[in-house]
Each structure stands twice: as C-alpha cells, then as structure tokens.
Amino acid sequence: MLEISKKTDYGIELLVGLATHFKKGPISLRQIAEERKLPYRFLGQIVGPLRKAGIVDSKEGLNGGYFLTKKPSEVSLVRIVKILEGSTGIMGCFGCAREENCQPKNIWRQLEKVLYQEMKNKTLADLT
C-alpha cells in the first residue's frame, strides 16, 4: 500500500489553510490547527521546512502569523511532497539482490512517472 506520511498530510492541510486565507493577512498556527482539526505542536515542526523552502513566511506581533509567499496556483503538490518527504518516489531499489532482474520494477517506475506528473499538475488552488 502506498502511504503519505502524517507530516506530508498535515503539511498539505496546513498549506490549504494558508491558501484559504491568502491575501487576507497572516494567520496563527493555532487558528489553522483549530479550523482544520490538526495537532498544533506538530504544525510547529512542519512549518519549518516550508519556510526554509520559501513557500511560507511569518510575521511577528499582534497581527502576526503565517502566510503563503506565493499564489496557491504556483505551489504544486509535487513541490510540497519533495519538501516534506524528500522524494516523490514510491519505491526504493537500493541494494536489493534482485534489482537487475526485477520485472515489477519497470511497472513501478511507470506508475511513479504518472504519479509525479499528476502531482506536478495539481496545486494548492485545486485543493481550496
């Protein structure tokens, strides 16, 4: 079974929350956590890599919080997954003794390409 990690799942939810507030000003992680029923502390860990990648930024102070630095239509799912997972692949054939003669590997690679293309074509705007 293919599975997206909680980190990526919550990261996408966090970004969808920010996308729904796009151009309305910063929003606190606590508010997003409450609105989207996400664990607040975990969001604090997830937002770091997204800030480092330049998708999210923050503003301190009374009206502070987090906001998208790009339009929701400019943030693809493939970029989010790469930031939070490190890869978009569905399999890793590293050091397997059967790697050279593995027949299913070719099918998995084809499916990876299709999945990659679909994630590349979907953006936060598609999710809001």
C-alpha atoms as a PDB file:
ATOM      1  CA  MET A   1       0.000   0.000   0.000  1.00  0.00           C
ATOM      2  CA  LEU A   2       1.261   3.448  -0.877  1.00  0.00           C
ATOM      3  CA  GLU A   3       1.029   5.853   2.002  1.00  0.00           C
ATOM      4  CA  ILE A   4       1.655   9.549   2.527  1.00  0.00           C
ATOM      5  CA  SER A   5       3.205  10.314   5.915  1.00  0.00           C
ATOM      6  CA  LYS A   6       1.310  12.279   8.566  1.00  0.00           C
ATOM      7  CA  LYS A   7       3.912  15.006   8.147  1.00  0.00           C
ATOM      8  CA  THR A   8       3.036  15.472   4.479  1.00  0.00           C
ATOM      9  CA  ASP A   9      -0.692  15.024   5.030  1.00  0.00           C
ATOM     10  CA  TYR A  10      -0.740  17.665   7.775  1.00  0.00           C
ATOM     11  CA  GLY A  11       1.654  19.861   5.791  1.00  0.00           C
ATOM     12  CA  ILE A  12      -0.739  19.893   2.848  1.00  0.00           C
ATOM     13  CA  GLU A  13      -3.638  20.653   5.200  1.00  0.00           C
ATOM     14  CA  LEU A  14      -1.617  23.488   6.739  1.00  0.00           C
ATOM     15  CA  LEU A  15      -0.904  24.934   3.307  1.00  0.00           C
ATOM     16  CA  VAL A  16      -4.548  24.605   2.245  1.00  0.00           C
ATOM     17  CA  GLY A  17      -5.447  26.529   5.402  1.00  0.00           C
ATOM     18  CA  LEU A  18      -2.977  29.252   4.453  1.00  0.00           C
ATOM     19  CA  ALA A  19      -4.274  29.231   0.882  1.00  0.00           C
ATOM     20  CA  THR A  20      -7.835  29.859   2.062  1.00  0.00           C
ATOM     21  CA  HIS A  21      -6.536  32.937   3.894  1.00  0.00           C
ATOM     22  CA  PHE A  22      -4.341  34.091   1.012  1.00  0.00           C
ATOM     23  CA  LYS A  23      -4.250  37.901   0.711  1.00  0.00           C
ATOM     24  CA  LYS A  24      -6.199  38.232   3.990  1.00  0.00           C
ATOM     25  CA  GLY A  25      -3.085  38.610   6.120  1.00  0.00           C
ATOM     26  CA  PRO A  26      -1.186  36.249   8.392  1.00  0.00           C
ATOM     27  CA  ILE A  27      -2.960  33.551  10.404  1.00  0.00           C
ATOM     28  CA  SER A  28      -1.712  31.805  13.512  1.00  0.00           C
ATOM     29  CA  LEU A  29      -0.825  28.128  13.546  1.00  0.00           C
ATOM     30  CA  ARG A  30      -3.194  27.710  16.469  1.00  0.00           C
ATOM     31  CA  GLN A  31      -6.094  29.055  14.401  1.00  0.00           C
ATOM     32  CA  ILE A  32      -5.249  26.748  11.484  1.00  0.00           C
ATOM     33  CA  ALA A  33      -4.934  23.815  13.894  1.00  0.00           C
ATOM     34  CA  GLU A  34      -8.383  24.565  15.319  1.00  0.00           C
ATOM     35  CA  GLU A  35     -10.039  25.202  11.947  1.00  0.00           C
ATOM     36  CA  ARG A  36      -8.599  22.104  10.280  1.00  0.00           C
ATOM     37  CA  LYS A  37      -8.505  19.882  13.393  1.00  0.00           C
ATOM     38  CA  LEU A  38      -4.744  19.353  13.261  1.00  0.00           C
ATOM     39  CA  PRO A  39      -2.236  18.867  16.102  1.00  0.00           C
ATOM     40  CA  TYR A  40      -0.845  22.321  16.899  1.00  0.00           C
ATOM     41  CA  ARG A  41       2.582  21.141  18.110  1.00  0.00           C
ATOM     42  CA  PHE A  42       3.133  19.029  15.011  1.00  0.00           C
ATOM     43  CA  LEU A  43       2.308  22.014  12.768  1.00  0.00           C
ATOM     44  CA  GLY A  44       5.102  23.903  14.504  1.00  0.00           C
ATOM     45  CA  GLN A  45       7.548  21.239  13.328  1.00  0.00           C
ATOM     46  CA  ILE A  46       6.132  21.071   9.808  1.00  0.00           C
ATOM     47  CA  VAL A  47       6.168  24.792   9.094  1.00  0.00           C
ATOM     48  CA  GLY A  48       9.987  24.991   9.428  1.00  0.00           C
ATOM     49  CA  PRO A  49      10.880  23.151   6.202  1.00  0.00           C
ATOM     50  CA  LEU A  50       8.126  25.038   4.358  1.00  0.00           C
ATOM     51  CA  ARG A  51       9.613  28.357   5.500  1.00  0.00           C
ATOM     52  CA  LYS A  52      13.116  27.238   4.564  1.00  0.00           C
ATOM     53  CA  ALA A  53      11.844  26.334   1.071  1.00  0.00           C
ATOM     54  CA  GLY A  54      10.302  29.794   0.680  1.00  0.00           C
ATOM     55  CA  ILE A  55       6.659  28.721   0.415  1.00  0.00           C
ATOM     56  CA  VAL A  56       5.658  30.086   3.818  1.00  0.00           C
ATOM     57  CA  ASP A  57       6.806  33.062   5.843  1.00  0.00           C
ATOM     58  CA  SER A  58       5.767  34.607   9.125  1.00  0.00           C
ATOM     59  CA  LYS A  59       5.146  37.981  10.668  1.00  0.00           C
ATOM     60  CA  GLU A  60       5.619  38.614  14.348  1.00  0.00           C
ATOM     61  CA  GLY A  61       3.490  40.799  16.538  1.00  0.00           C
ATOM     62  CA  LEU A  62      -0.136  41.373  17.419  1.00  0.00           C
ATOM     63  CA  ASN A  63      -1.469  40.704  13.925  1.00  0.00           C
ATOM     64  CA  GLY A  64       1.233  38.182  13.148  1.00  0.00           C
ATOM     65  CA  GLY A  65       1.137  34.629  11.963  1.00  0.00           C
ATOM     66  CA  TYR A  66       1.991  32.638   8.869  1.00  0.00           C
ATOM     67  CA  PHE A  67       1.207  33.291   5.231  1.00  0.00           C
ATOM     68  CA  LEU A  68       1.958  31.915   1.781  1.00  0.00           C
ATOM     69  CA  THR A  69       4.704  33.701  -0.112  1.00  0.00           C
ATOM     70  CA  LYS A  70       3.344  32.505  -3.457  1.00  0.00           C
ATOM     71  CA  LYS A  71      -0.084  32.307  -5.027  1.00  0.00           C
ATOM     72  CA  PRO A  72      -1.831  28.993  -4.296  1.00  0.00           C
ATOM     73  CA  SER A  73      -1.807  28.289  -8.046  1.00  0.00           C
ATOM     74  CA  GLU A  74       2.010  28.459  -8.011  1.00  0.00           C
ATOM     75  CA  VAL A  75       2.539  25.790  -5.335  1.00  0.00           C
ATOM     76  CA  SER A  76       2.382  22.274  -6.767  1.00  0.00           C
ATOM     77  CA  LEU A  77       1.768  19.130  -4.757  1.00  0.00           C
ATOM     78  CA  VAL A  78       4.983  17.647  -6.091  1.00  0.00           C
ATOM     79  CA  ARG A  79       6.949  20.534  -4.589  1.00  0.00           C
ATOM     80  CA  ILE A  80       5.251  20.113  -1.225  1.00  0.00           C
ATOM     81  CA  VAL A  81       5.885  16.365  -1.179  1.00  0.00           C
ATOM     82  CA  LYS A  82       9.551  16.862  -2.123  1.00  0.00           C
ATOM     83  CA  ILE A  83       9.996  19.418   0.666  1.00  0.00           C
ATOM     84  CA  LEU A  84       8.351  17.294   3.344  1.00  0.00           C
ATOM     85  CA  GLU A  85       9.245  13.776   2.189  1.00  0.00           C
ATOM     86  CA  GLY A  86      12.492  14.407   0.317  1.00  0.00           C
ATOM     87  CA  SER A  87      11.271  12.354  -2.636  1.00  0.00           C
ATOM     88  CA  THR A  88       8.194  11.621  -4.706  1.00  0.00           C
ATOM     89  CA  GLY A  89       9.165   8.028  -5.483  1.00  0.00           C
ATOM     90  CA  ILE A  90       7.011   5.115  -4.451  1.00  0.00           C
ATOM     91  CA  MET A  91       9.801   2.602  -4.202  1.00  0.00           C
ATOM     92  CA  GLY A  92      13.464   2.407  -3.489  1.00  0.00           C
ATOM     93  CA  CYS A  93      15.558  -0.258  -5.169  1.00  0.00           C
ATOM     94  CA  PHE A  94      18.776   0.288  -3.306  1.00  0.00           C
ATOM     95  CA  GLY A  95      20.936  -2.713  -2.753  1.00  0.00           C
ATOM     96  CA  CYS A  96      18.265  -5.300  -3.469  1.00  0.00           C
ATOM     97  CA  ALA A  97      19.810  -8.535  -4.719  1.00  0.00           C
ATOM     98  CA  ARG A  98      17.013  -8.875  -7.299  1.00  0.00           C
ATOM     99  CA  GLU A  99      17.216  -5.320  -8.635  1.00  0.00           C
ATOM    100  CA  GLU A 100      18.664  -6.189 -12.069  1.00  0.00           C
ATOM    101  CA  ASN A 101      16.132  -8.945 -12.771  1.00  0.00           C
ATOM    102  CA  CYS A 102      13.108  -7.417 -11.061  1.00  0.00           C
ATOM    103  CA  GLN A 103      10.189  -7.412 -13.500  1.00  0.00           C
ATOM    104  CA  PRO A 104       7.737  -5.391 -11.348  1.00  0.00           C
ATOM    105  CA  LYS A 105      10.317  -2.590 -11.070  1.00  0.00           C
ATOM    106  CA  ASN A 106       9.504  -1.341 -14.571  1.00  0.00           C
ATOM    107  CA  ILE A 107       5.806  -1.115 -13.770  1.00  0.00           C
ATOM    108  CA  TRP A 108       6.504   0.701 -10.523  1.00  0.00           C
ATOM    109  CA  ARG A 109       8.737   3.180 -12.361  1.00  0.00           C
ATOM    110  CA  GLN A 110       5.973   3.858 -14.907  1.00  0.00           C
ATOM    111  CA  LEU A 111       3.495   4.427 -12.102  1.00  0.00           C
ATOM    112  CA  GLU A 112       5.953   6.770 -10.393  1.00  0.00           C
ATOM    113  CA  LYS A 113       6.115   8.873 -13.567  1.00  0.00           C
ATOM    114  CA  VAL A 114       2.320   9.085 -13.790  1.00  0.00           C
ATOM    115  CA  LEU A 115       2.011   9.954 -10.106  1.00  0.00           C
ATOM    116  CA  TYR A 116       4.756  12.585 -10.402  1.00  0.00           C
ATOM    117  CA  GLN A 117       3.037  14.213 -13.394  1.00  0.00           C
ATOM    118  CA  GLU A 118      -0.331  14.286 -11.640  1.00  0.00           C
ATOM    119  CA  MET A 119       1.186  15.847  -8.506  1.00  0.00           C
ATOM    120  CA  LYS A 120       3.045  18.348 -10.669  1.00  0.00           C
ATOM    121  CA  ASN A 121      -0.224  19.413 -12.312  1.00  0.00           C
ATOM    122  CA  LYS A 122      -2.142  19.829  -9.027  1.00  0.00           C
ATOM    123  CA  THR A 123      -1.688  22.941  -6.930  1.00  0.00           C
ATOM    124  CA  LEU A 124      -2.976  24.345  -3.664  1.00  0.00           C
ATOM    125  CA  ALA A 125      -5.534  26.266  -5.719  1.00  0.00           C
ATOM    126  CA  ASP A 126      -7.010  22.924  -6.816  1.00  0.00           C
ATOM    127  CA  LEU A 127      -7.460  21.954  -3.171  1.00  0.00           C
ATOM    128  CA  THR A 128      -9.209  25.121  -1.997  1.00  0.00           C
END
